[in-house]
Amino acid sequence: LDPLDGTHNFYFGLEYWGIGLAILNSLNESQVGFIFLPALNILIKNTGEETMTYIQSNKTWVKSKTTPRELSKSIICYDNQFYKLGKRAIKIYELLAHEVFTSRITGSALADAALIATGCINGRIWNRTQPYDIAPGIPIVIGAKGVATNFEGKNNSVMNKSFIMSSNSKIHNSLLHKINNIDFK
């Protein structure tokens, strides 16, 4: 449970904040996710493996789907608070600045996951995250036909500190390739 993701946004009156809930399996993989973003009027859920993600619209549940794009035409969200992340995160952000259409820093992991699943943005990169930041979004993004993995492109355990969610495998694979081929010297 993340009772208030985007605390600073909430405090300053910005709309990117919400509540998230996830159910994990014994491998710390997120199986079920719910995200509520009151200021954006978004309630989105995925109720289990291999099920579609649904968003509430006019008191009914409708299927939610990502919007696949080329990396160069994508909006990718990124970490905030660079002072905590170090040079590696700054290098990755510098790469993004040259490879994607544009980037955003919303300050809310839950908002970013919901926006991927609804097709508004195309990806999110976390360099140092907490389990409660990504757990609700993993099944929601996957159930909306997106991809969620660690920086090695492997498992989706919430214990991974470095994590990527994307609207499709093409964007995801491009991001993984570019991140893993940065010279960090």
N, C-alpha and C. Protein backbone atom coordinates (compact mmCIF):
# COMPACT_ATOMS: atom_id res chain seq x y z
N LEU A 1 0.84 -1.17 0.00
CA LEU A 1 0.00 0.00 0.00
C LEU A 1 0.89 1.24 0.00
N ASP A 2 0.61 2.14 -0.89
CA ASP A 2 1.24 3.47 -0.87
C ASP A 2 0.09 4.46 -0.66
N PRO A 3 -0.06 4.95 0.58
CA PRO A 3 -1.22 5.79 0.87
C PRO A 3 -1.16 7.19 0.27
N LEU A 4 0.05 7.64 -0.11
CA LEU A 4 0.16 8.96 -0.75
C LEU A 4 1.47 9.03 -1.53
N ASP A 5 1.39 8.65 -2.78
CA ASP A 5 2.53 8.77 -3.69
C ASP A 5 2.47 10.15 -4.32
N GLY A 6 3.59 10.84 -4.34
CA GLY A 6 3.61 12.21 -4.84
C GLY A 6 3.32 13.19 -3.72
N THR A 7 3.89 12.92 -2.56
CA THR A 7 3.64 13.73 -1.36
C THR A 7 3.94 15.21 -1.59
N HIS A 8 5.07 15.50 -2.22
CA HIS A 8 5.42 16.90 -2.47
C HIS A 8 4.41 17.56 -3.41
N ASN A 9 3.98 16.82 -4.43
CA ASN A 9 2.96 17.35 -5.33
C ASN A 9 1.68 17.69 -4.57
N PHE A 10 1.25 16.75 -3.73
CA PHE A 10 0.04 16.95 -2.93
C PHE A 10 0.18 18.20 -2.05
N TYR A 11 1.31 18.32 -1.39
CA TYR A 11 1.56 19.44 -0.49
C TYR A 11 1.50 20.79 -1.22
N PHE A 12 2.07 20.82 -2.44
CA PHE A 12 2.13 22.07 -3.19
C PHE A 12 0.93 22.30 -4.11
N GLY A 13 -0.04 21.39 -4.09
CA GLY A 13 -1.26 21.58 -4.87
C GLY A 13 -1.16 21.15 -6.32
N LEU A 14 -0.16 20.34 -6.65
CA LEU A 14 -0.05 19.81 -8.02
C LEU A 14 -0.88 18.53 -8.14
N GLU A 15 -1.34 18.22 -9.33
CA GLU A 15 -2.31 17.13 -9.50
C GLU A 15 -1.71 15.73 -9.59
N TYR A 16 -0.41 15.59 -9.66
CA TYR A 16 0.20 14.27 -9.81
C TYR A 16 0.49 13.63 -8.46
N TRP A 17 -0.54 13.02 -7.89
CA TRP A 17 -0.41 12.27 -6.64
C TRP A 17 -1.53 11.25 -6.59
N GLY A 18 -1.34 10.21 -5.79
CA GLY A 18 -2.38 9.22 -5.73
C GLY A 18 -2.15 8.17 -4.67
N ILE A 19 -3.01 7.17 -4.70
CA ILE A 19 -3.01 6.06 -3.77
C ILE A 19 -2.85 4.78 -4.59
N GLY A 20 -1.99 3.89 -4.13
CA GLY A 20 -1.77 2.64 -4.84
C GLY A 20 -1.82 1.44 -3.93
N LEU A 21 -2.30 0.33 -4.46
CA LEU A 21 -2.37 -0.91 -3.71
C LEU A 21 -1.97 -2.04 -4.65
N ALA A 22 -1.16 -2.97 -4.12
CA ALA A 22 -0.74 -4.12 -4.92
C ALA A 22 -0.79 -5.38 -4.07
N ILE A 23 -0.95 -6.51 -4.72
CA ILE A 23 -0.84 -7.82 -4.08
C ILE A 23 0.33 -8.52 -4.76
N LEU A 24 1.27 -9.04 -3.95
CA LEU A 24 2.47 -9.68 -4.45
C LEU A 24 2.40 -11.19 -4.25
N ASN A 25 3.17 -11.93 -5.10
CA ASN A 25 3.31 -13.36 -4.87
C ASN A 25 4.55 -13.62 -4.01
N SER A 26 4.90 -14.87 -3.80
CA SER A 26 6.02 -15.21 -2.93
C SER A 26 7.38 -14.80 -3.50
N LEU A 27 7.45 -14.45 -4.78
CA LEU A 27 8.69 -13.99 -5.41
C LEU A 27 8.78 -12.47 -5.45
N ASN A 28 7.89 -11.81 -4.73
CA ASN A 28 7.81 -10.34 -4.71
C ASN A 28 7.48 -9.77 -6.08
N GLU A 29 6.72 -10.51 -6.86
CA GLU A 29 6.22 -10.03 -8.14
C GLU A 29 4.78 -9.55 -7.94
N SER A 30 4.50 -8.40 -8.46
CA SER A 30 3.18 -7.81 -8.31
C SER A 30 2.18 -8.52 -9.20
N GLN A 31 1.09 -8.97 -8.61
CA GLN A 31 0.07 -9.73 -9.33
C GLN A 31 -1.20 -8.94 -9.60
N VAL A 32 -1.53 -8.02 -8.70
CA VAL A 32 -2.76 -7.24 -8.76
C VAL A 32 -2.40 -5.80 -8.42
N GLY A 33 -2.99 -4.85 -9.12
CA GLY A 33 -2.70 -3.45 -8.82
C GLY A 33 -3.91 -2.56 -8.98
N PHE A 34 -4.00 -1.58 -8.10
CA PHE A 34 -5.03 -0.55 -8.15
C PHE A 34 -4.35 0.80 -7.97
N ILE A 35 -4.72 1.78 -8.78
CA ILE A 35 -4.20 3.14 -8.64
C ILE A 35 -5.38 4.10 -8.72
N PHE A 36 -5.41 5.04 -7.77
CA PHE A 36 -6.43 6.09 -7.76
C PHE A 36 -5.71 7.43 -7.73
N LEU A 37 -5.96 8.25 -8.75
CA LEU A 37 -5.40 9.59 -8.86
C LEU A 37 -6.56 10.58 -8.79
N PRO A 38 -6.95 11.00 -7.59
CA PRO A 38 -8.17 11.83 -7.43
C PRO A 38 -8.17 13.11 -8.25
N ALA A 39 -7.06 13.83 -8.26
CA ALA A 39 -7.02 15.12 -8.97
C ALA A 39 -7.11 14.95 -10.49
N LEU A 40 -6.72 13.79 -10.99
CA LEU A 40 -6.81 13.51 -12.43
C LEU A 40 -8.06 12.69 -12.77
N ASN A 41 -8.85 12.35 -11.76
CA ASN A 41 -10.06 11.54 -11.94
C ASN A 41 -9.76 10.22 -12.64
N ILE A 42 -8.69 9.55 -12.18
CA ILE A 42 -8.31 8.26 -12.75
C ILE A 42 -8.38 7.19 -11.66
N LEU A 43 -9.16 6.15 -11.92
CA LEU A 43 -9.18 4.93 -11.11
C LEU A 43 -8.93 3.79 -12.09
N ILE A 44 -7.82 3.10 -11.90
CA ILE A 44 -7.39 2.08 -12.86
C ILE A 44 -6.98 0.83 -12.10
N LYS A 45 -7.25 -0.35 -12.69
CA LYS A 45 -6.99 -1.60 -11.97
C LYS A 45 -6.59 -2.72 -12.92
N ASN A 46 -5.87 -3.67 -12.34
CA ASN A 46 -5.61 -4.95 -12.98
C ASN A 46 -5.76 -5.99 -11.89
N THR A 47 -6.66 -6.95 -12.09
CA THR A 47 -7.03 -7.87 -11.02
C THR A 47 -6.38 -9.23 -11.09
N GLY A 48 -5.36 -9.39 -11.91
CA GLY A 48 -4.66 -10.67 -11.89
C GLY A 48 -3.88 -10.94 -13.16
N GLU A 49 -2.98 -11.91 -13.03
CA GLU A 49 -2.13 -12.29 -14.15
C GLU A 49 -2.96 -12.58 -15.40
N GLU A 50 -2.43 -12.12 -16.52
CA GLU A 50 -3.02 -12.36 -17.83
C GLU A 50 -4.45 -11.83 -17.96
N THR A 51 -4.74 -10.75 -17.23
CA THR A 51 -6.02 -10.08 -17.40
C THR A 51 -5.77 -8.68 -17.94
N MET A 52 -6.75 -8.13 -18.55
CA MET A 52 -6.66 -6.77 -19.09
C MET A 52 -6.73 -5.75 -17.95
N THR A 53 -6.20 -4.58 -18.21
CA THR A 53 -6.31 -3.46 -17.29
C THR A 53 -7.56 -2.68 -17.65
N TYR A 54 -8.25 -2.21 -16.61
CA TYR A 54 -9.47 -1.46 -16.81
C TYR A 54 -9.39 -0.12 -16.09
N ILE A 55 -10.02 0.88 -16.70
CA ILE A 55 -10.11 2.21 -16.10
C ILE A 55 -11.59 2.55 -15.94
N GLN A 56 -11.91 3.22 -14.85
CA GLN A 56 -13.30 3.60 -14.63
C GLN A 56 -13.62 4.86 -15.43
N SER A 57 -14.72 4.78 -16.17
CA SER A 57 -15.17 5.91 -16.98
C SER A 57 -16.69 5.96 -16.91
N ASN A 58 -17.22 7.06 -16.43
CA ASN A 58 -18.67 7.22 -16.30
C ASN A 58 -19.32 6.05 -15.55
N LYS A 59 -18.73 5.68 -14.44
CA LYS A 59 -19.23 4.63 -13.54
C LYS A 59 -19.24 3.24 -14.15
N THR A 60 -18.47 3.03 -15.21
CA THR A 60 -18.32 1.70 -15.80
C THR A 60 -16.84 1.45 -16.04
N TRP A 61 -16.46 0.19 -16.15
CA TRP A 61 -15.06 -0.18 -16.37
C TRP A 61 -14.84 -0.45 -17.86
N VAL A 62 -13.86 0.24 -18.45
CA VAL A 62 -13.51 0.03 -19.86
C VAL A 62 -12.04 -0.37 -19.96
N LYS A 63 -11.72 -1.14 -20.99
CA LYS A 63 -10.34 -1.59 -21.18
C LYS A 63 -9.42 -0.40 -21.40
N SER A 64 -8.25 -0.50 -20.81
CA SER A 64 -7.23 0.53 -20.96
C SER A 64 -6.07 -0.05 -21.76
N LYS A 65 -5.49 0.77 -22.61
CA LYS A 65 -4.44 0.26 -23.49
C LYS A 65 -3.36 1.32 -23.68
N THR A 66 -2.12 0.86 -23.75
CA THR A 66 -1.00 1.76 -24.00
C THR A 66 -1.03 2.26 -25.44
N THR A 67 -0.22 3.27 -25.71
CA THR A 67 -0.08 3.79 -27.07
C THR A 67 1.36 3.56 -27.53
N PRO A 68 1.57 2.57 -28.40
CA PRO A 68 2.93 2.33 -28.90
C PRO A 68 3.39 3.45 -29.83
N ARG A 69 4.63 3.85 -29.66
CA ARG A 69 5.25 4.86 -30.52
C ARG A 69 6.71 4.51 -30.72
N GLU A 70 7.32 5.15 -31.69
CA GLU A 70 8.77 5.07 -31.84
C GLU A 70 9.40 5.83 -30.67
N LEU A 71 10.59 5.45 -30.27
CA LEU A 71 11.26 6.13 -29.17
C LEU A 71 11.41 7.62 -29.46
N SER A 72 11.75 7.97 -30.69
CA SER A 72 11.96 9.37 -31.04
C SER A 72 10.67 10.20 -31.01
N LYS A 73 9.52 9.53 -30.91
CA LYS A 73 8.23 10.23 -30.85
C LYS A 73 7.53 10.01 -29.51
N SER A 74 8.30 9.56 -28.52
CA SER A 74 7.74 9.18 -27.23
C SER A 74 7.96 10.24 -26.15
N ILE A 75 7.05 10.21 -25.18
CA ILE A 75 7.21 10.97 -23.94
C ILE A 75 7.62 9.97 -22.87
N ILE A 76 8.78 10.20 -22.28
CA ILE A 76 9.29 9.32 -21.25
C ILE A 76 9.44 10.11 -19.95
N CYS A 77 8.90 9.57 -18.88
CA CYS A 77 9.02 10.21 -17.56
C CYS A 77 10.26 9.68 -16.84
N TYR A 78 10.72 10.47 -15.88
CA TYR A 78 11.98 10.15 -15.23
C TYR A 78 11.92 10.49 -13.75
N ASP A 79 12.95 10.03 -13.03
CA ASP A 79 13.09 10.29 -11.61
C ASP A 79 13.17 11.78 -11.32
N ASN A 80 12.84 12.12 -10.10
CA ASN A 80 13.09 13.47 -9.61
C ASN A 80 14.16 13.39 -8.52
N GLN A 81 14.47 14.47 -7.91
CA GLN A 81 15.45 14.55 -6.83
C GLN A 81 16.81 13.99 -7.26
N PHE A 82 17.38 14.60 -8.29
CA PHE A 82 18.66 14.16 -8.84
C PHE A 82 19.77 14.13 -7.81
N TYR A 83 19.70 14.99 -6.81
CA TYR A 83 20.76 15.03 -5.81
C TYR A 83 20.91 13.70 -5.07
N LYS A 84 19.88 12.85 -5.08
CA LYS A 84 19.94 11.55 -4.43
C LYS A 84 20.43 10.45 -5.37
N LEU A 85 20.45 10.70 -6.67
CA LEU A 85 20.63 9.63 -7.65
C LEU A 85 22.05 9.45 -8.15
N GLY A 86 22.83 10.49 -8.21
CA GLY A 86 24.21 10.36 -8.66
C GLY A 86 24.39 10.56 -10.16
N LYS A 87 25.65 10.43 -10.58
CA LYS A 87 26.04 10.72 -11.96
C LYS A 87 25.43 9.76 -12.97
N ARG A 88 25.25 8.51 -12.60
CA ARG A 88 24.69 7.52 -13.53
C ARG A 88 23.30 7.96 -13.99
N ALA A 89 22.47 8.39 -13.06
CA ALA A 89 21.11 8.84 -13.40
C ALA A 89 21.13 10.08 -14.28
N ILE A 90 22.06 10.97 -14.03
CA ILE A 90 22.17 12.17 -14.85
C ILE A 90 22.60 11.81 -16.27
N LYS A 91 23.50 10.84 -16.41
CA LYS A 91 23.92 10.39 -17.75
C LYS A 91 22.75 9.77 -18.50
N ILE A 92 21.95 8.98 -17.82
CA ILE A 92 20.80 8.35 -18.47
C ILE A 92 19.81 9.44 -18.91
N TYR A 93 19.59 10.43 -18.06
CA TYR A 93 18.67 11.51 -18.42
C TYR A 93 19.22 12.32 -19.60
N GLU A 94 20.50 12.53 -19.62
CA GLU A 94 21.12 13.24 -20.75
C GLU A 94 20.91 12.46 -22.05
N LEU A 95 21.04 11.16 -21.99
CA LEU A 95 20.78 10.33 -23.16
C LEU A 95 19.33 10.49 -23.62
N LEU A 96 18.40 10.44 -22.68
CA LEU A 96 16.98 10.58 -23.01
C LEU A 96 16.70 11.90 -23.70
N ALA A 97 17.34 12.95 -23.24
CA ALA A 97 17.11 14.28 -23.81
C ALA A 97 17.38 14.31 -25.31
N HIS A 98 18.25 13.43 -25.77
CA HIS A 98 18.61 13.41 -27.19
C HIS A 98 17.89 12.32 -27.99
N GLU A 99 17.25 11.37 -27.30
CA GLU A 99 16.68 10.21 -27.99
C GLU A 99 15.16 10.19 -28.06
N VAL A 100 14.48 10.90 -27.15
CA VAL A 100 13.02 10.85 -27.11
C VAL A 100 12.45 12.18 -27.58
N PHE A 101 11.16 12.18 -27.87
CA PHE A 101 10.50 13.42 -28.28
C PHE A 101 10.60 14.45 -27.16
N THR A 102 10.22 14.03 -25.95
CA THR A 102 10.35 14.89 -24.79
C THR A 102 10.30 14.05 -23.53
N SER A 103 10.67 14.64 -22.42
CA SER A 103 10.63 13.94 -21.14
C SER A 103 9.84 14.78 -20.13
N ARG A 104 9.41 14.10 -19.10
CA ARG A 104 8.67 14.76 -18.03
C ARG A 104 9.16 14.20 -16.70
N ILE A 105 9.07 15.01 -15.67
CA ILE A 105 9.32 14.57 -14.30
C ILE A 105 8.08 14.98 -13.51
N THR A 106 7.17 14.02 -13.32
CA THR A 106 5.92 14.33 -12.65
C THR A 106 6.05 14.28 -11.14
N GLY A 107 7.00 13.48 -10.64
CA GLY A 107 7.15 13.35 -9.20
C GLY A 107 6.22 12.33 -8.59
N SER A 108 5.58 11.49 -9.40
CA SER A 108 4.68 10.46 -8.90
C SER A 108 4.81 9.19 -9.73
N ALA A 109 5.31 8.14 -9.10
CA ALA A 109 5.44 6.85 -9.77
C ALA A 109 4.08 6.29 -10.17
N LEU A 110 3.10 6.45 -9.29
CA LEU A 110 1.77 5.93 -9.59
C LEU A 110 1.13 6.66 -10.77
N ALA A 111 1.28 7.97 -10.80
CA ALA A 111 0.72 8.73 -11.92
C ALA A 111 1.38 8.31 -13.22
N ASP A 112 2.69 8.13 -13.20
CA ASP A 112 3.39 7.74 -14.42
C ASP A 112 2.93 6.38 -14.92
N ALA A 113 2.79 5.41 -14.03
CA ALA A 113 2.32 4.08 -14.44
C ALA A 113 0.91 4.16 -15.02
N ALA A 114 0.03 4.90 -14.36
CA ALA A 114 -1.34 5.04 -14.87
C ALA A 114 -1.36 5.74 -16.23
N LEU A 115 -0.52 6.75 -16.40
CA LEU A 115 -0.46 7.47 -17.67
C LEU A 115 0.10 6.61 -18.80
N ILE A 116 1.00 5.68 -18.48
CA ILE A 116 1.47 4.72 -19.50
C ILE A 116 0.30 3.82 -19.89
N ALA A 117 -0.39 3.28 -18.90
CA ALA A 117 -1.48 2.34 -19.16
C ALA A 117 -2.66 2.97 -19.88
N THR A 118 -2.81 4.28 -19.79
CA THR A 118 -3.91 4.95 -20.48
C THR A 118 -3.47 5.52 -21.83
N GLY A 119 -2.21 5.35 -22.18
CA GLY A 119 -1.73 5.79 -23.48
C GLY A 119 -1.29 7.24 -23.56
N CYS A 120 -1.22 7.92 -22.43
CA CYS A 120 -0.84 9.34 -22.44
C CYS A 120 0.67 9.55 -22.56
N ILE A 121 1.44 8.69 -21.93
CA ILE A 121 2.90 8.73 -22.05
C ILE A 121 3.38 7.34 -22.46
N ASN A 122 4.67 7.22 -22.74
CA ASN A 122 5.17 5.96 -23.30
C ASN A 122 6.17 5.21 -22.43
N GLY A 123 6.61 5.81 -21.35
CA GLY A 123 7.53 5.08 -20.51
C GLY A 123 7.92 5.84 -19.26
N ARG A 124 8.55 5.09 -18.35
CA ARG A 124 9.06 5.68 -17.11
C ARG A 124 10.30 4.90 -16.70
N ILE A 125 11.33 5.61 -16.28
CA ILE A 125 12.57 5.01 -15.81
C ILE A 125 12.78 5.40 -14.36
N TRP A 126 13.07 4.39 -13.53
CA TRP A 126 13.41 4.59 -12.12
C TRP A 126 14.85 4.12 -11.91
N ASN A 127 15.69 4.96 -11.39
CA ASN A 127 17.07 4.59 -11.09
C ASN A 127 17.24 4.02 -9.69
N ARG A 128 16.42 4.49 -8.78
CA ARG A 128 16.49 4.02 -7.39
C ARG A 128 15.10 4.16 -6.80
N THR A 129 14.34 3.09 -6.89
CA THR A 129 12.95 3.14 -6.46
C THR A 129 12.71 2.29 -5.23
N GLN A 130 11.54 2.42 -4.69
CA GLN A 130 11.09 1.61 -3.56
C GLN A 130 9.99 0.67 -4.05
N PRO A 131 9.84 -0.50 -3.40
CA PRO A 131 8.82 -1.46 -3.84
C PRO A 131 7.42 -0.87 -3.96
N TYR A 132 7.01 -0.04 -3.01
CA TYR A 132 5.66 0.52 -3.03
C TYR A 132 5.46 1.52 -4.16
N ASP A 133 6.57 2.04 -4.73
CA ASP A 133 6.44 2.97 -5.86
C ASP A 133 6.03 2.27 -7.15
N ILE A 134 6.52 1.05 -7.34
CA ILE A 134 6.29 0.37 -8.62
C ILE A 134 5.28 -0.78 -8.55
N ALA A 135 5.04 -1.33 -7.35
CA ALA A 135 4.20 -2.52 -7.23
C ALA A 135 2.81 -2.38 -7.85
N PRO A 136 2.05 -1.32 -7.58
CA PRO A 136 0.72 -1.23 -8.19
C PRO A 136 0.77 -1.07 -9.71
N GLY A 137 1.79 -0.39 -10.22
CA GLY A 137 1.86 -0.10 -11.65
C GLY A 137 2.26 -1.27 -12.53
N ILE A 138 3.01 -2.22 -12.00
CA ILE A 138 3.49 -3.34 -12.83
C ILE A 138 2.35 -4.10 -13.49
N PRO A 139 1.39 -4.67 -12.75
CA PRO A 139 0.32 -5.40 -13.44
C PRO A 139 -0.58 -4.49 -14.27
N ILE A 140 -0.71 -3.23 -13.86
CA ILE A 140 -1.55 -2.30 -14.61
C ILE A 140 -0.93 -2.03 -15.98
N VAL A 141 0.37 -1.76 -16.04
CA VAL A 141 1.04 -1.51 -17.32
C VAL A 141 1.07 -2.77 -18.18
N ILE A 142 1.41 -3.91 -17.58
CA ILE A 142 1.45 -5.17 -18.35
C ILE A 142 0.06 -5.52 -18.88
N GLY A 143 -0.97 -5.35 -18.07
CA GLY A 143 -2.34 -5.66 -18.50
C GLY A 143 -2.88 -4.72 -19.56
N ALA A 144 -2.20 -3.58 -19.75
CA ALA A 144 -2.59 -2.63 -20.80
C ALA A 144 -1.71 -2.82 -22.04
N LYS A 145 -1.02 -3.95 -22.11
CA LYS A 145 -0.15 -4.33 -23.24
C LYS A 145 1.21 -3.64 -23.21
N GLY A 146 1.64 -3.21 -22.02
CA GLY A 146 2.96 -2.62 -21.86
C GLY A 146 3.96 -3.63 -21.35
N VAL A 147 5.15 -3.15 -21.01
CA VAL A 147 6.25 -4.00 -20.55
C VAL A 147 6.81 -3.39 -19.27
N ALA A 148 7.22 -4.25 -18.34
CA ALA A 148 7.82 -3.79 -17.08
C ALA A 148 8.93 -4.75 -16.68
N THR A 149 10.17 -4.25 -16.58
CA THR A 149 11.31 -5.08 -16.19
C THR A 149 12.35 -4.26 -15.43
N ASN A 150 13.34 -4.97 -14.91
CA ASN A 150 14.50 -4.29 -14.35
C ASN A 150 15.40 -3.83 -15.50
N PHE A 151 16.52 -3.19 -15.19
CA PHE A 151 17.41 -2.65 -16.22
C PHE A 151 18.07 -3.74 -17.07
N GLU A 152 18.05 -4.97 -16.60
CA GLU A 152 18.60 -6.08 -17.39
C GLU A 152 17.54 -6.70 -18.30
N GLY A 153 16.31 -6.21 -18.21
CA GLY A 153 15.24 -6.72 -19.06
C GLY A 153 14.68 -8.04 -18.57
N LYS A 154 14.92 -8.35 -17.32
CA LYS A 154 14.51 -9.66 -16.82
C LYS A 154 13.28 -9.56 -15.95
N ASN A 155 13.39 -9.89 -14.68
CA ASN A 155 12.19 -10.07 -13.87
C ASN A 155 11.53 -8.76 -13.46
N ASN A 156 10.34 -8.91 -12.94
CA ASN A 156 9.60 -7.73 -12.52
C ASN A 156 9.34 -7.74 -11.01
N SER A 157 10.32 -8.25 -10.25
CA SER A 157 10.20 -8.19 -8.80
C SER A 157 10.20 -6.74 -8.34
N VAL A 158 9.38 -6.45 -7.35
CA VAL A 158 9.31 -5.09 -6.83
C VAL A 158 10.56 -4.73 -6.03
N MET A 159 11.44 -5.70 -5.80
CA MET A 159 12.66 -5.45 -5.05
C MET A 159 13.76 -4.84 -5.93
N ASN A 160 13.55 -4.78 -7.23
CA ASN A 160 14.52 -4.14 -8.13
C ASN A 160 14.56 -2.65 -7.85
N LYS A 161 15.74 -2.10 -7.73
CA LYS A 161 15.89 -0.66 -7.50
C LYS A 161 15.83 0.12 -8.81
N SER A 162 16.35 -0.48 -9.89
CA SER A 162 16.34 0.16 -11.21
C SER A 162 15.28 -0.53 -12.05
N PHE A 163 14.34 0.25 -12.59
CA PHE A 163 13.17 -0.35 -13.22
C PHE A 163 12.70 0.51 -14.38
N ILE A 164 12.10 -0.15 -15.38
CA ILE A 164 11.55 0.54 -16.55
C ILE A 164 10.15 -0.01 -16.83
N MET A 165 9.22 0.89 -17.10
CA MET A 165 7.90 0.52 -17.63
C MET A 165 7.74 1.24 -18.95
N SER A 166 7.23 0.52 -19.95
CA SER A 166 7.09 1.10 -21.29
C SER A 166 5.77 0.67 -21.91
N SER A 167 5.36 1.43 -22.92
CA SER A 167 4.10 1.14 -23.59
C SER A 167 4.18 -0.02 -24.57
N ASN A 168 5.40 -0.38 -24.99
CA ASN A 168 5.54 -1.54 -25.88
C ASN A 168 6.97 -2.07 -25.83
N SER A 169 7.17 -3.26 -26.39
CA SER A 169 8.49 -3.90 -26.32
C SER A 169 9.53 -3.17 -27.17
N LYS A 170 9.12 -2.52 -28.25
CA LYS A 170 10.08 -1.80 -29.08
C LYS A 170 10.72 -0.64 -28.31
N ILE A 171 9.90 0.18 -27.67
CA ILE A 171 10.43 1.27 -26.84
C ILE A 171 11.25 0.69 -25.70
N HIS A 172 10.71 -0.33 -25.06
CA HIS A 172 11.38 -0.94 -23.91
C HIS A 172 12.77 -1.45 -24.28
N ASN A 173 12.84 -2.21 -25.36
CA ASN A 173 14.13 -2.75 -25.79
C ASN A 173 15.11 -1.65 -26.19
N SER A 174 14.61 -0.60 -26.82
CA SER A 174 15.48 0.54 -27.16
C SER A 174 16.04 1.20 -25.91
N LEU A 175 15.18 1.43 -24.92
CA LEU A 175 15.64 2.04 -23.68
C LEU A 175 16.66 1.16 -22.97
N LEU A 176 16.37 -0.13 -22.89
CA LEU A 176 17.32 -1.06 -22.25
C LEU A 176 18.66 -1.04 -22.96
N HIS A 177 18.63 -1.11 -24.27
CA HIS A 177 19.88 -1.11 -25.05
C HIS A 177 20.68 0.17 -24.81
N LYS A 178 20.01 1.29 -24.88
CA LYS A 178 20.70 2.57 -24.71
C LYS A 178 21.23 2.73 -23.30
N ILE A 179 20.44 2.39 -22.29
CA ILE A 179 20.89 2.52 -20.90
C ILE A 179 22.09 1.60 -20.63
N ASN A 180 22.00 0.38 -21.12
CA ASN A 180 23.06 -0.59 -20.84
C ASN A 180 24.31 -0.39 -21.68
N ASN A 181 24.29 0.55 -22.61
CA ASN A 181 25.48 0.83 -23.43
C ASN A 181 26.04 2.23 -23.19
N ILE A 182 25.61 2.88 -22.13
CA ILE A 182 26.15 4.19 -21.78
C ILE A 182 27.52 4.00 -21.16
N ASP A 183 28.46 4.83 -21.57
CA ASP A 183 29.77 4.84 -20.94
C ASP A 183 29.67 5.73 -19.71
N PHE A 184 29.75 5.12 -18.54
CA PHE A 184 29.58 5.88 -17.30
C PHE A 184 30.88 6.44 -16.74
N LYS A 185 31.91 6.50 -17.55
CA LYS A 185 33.20 7.06 -17.09
C LYS A 185 33.20 8.55 -17.16
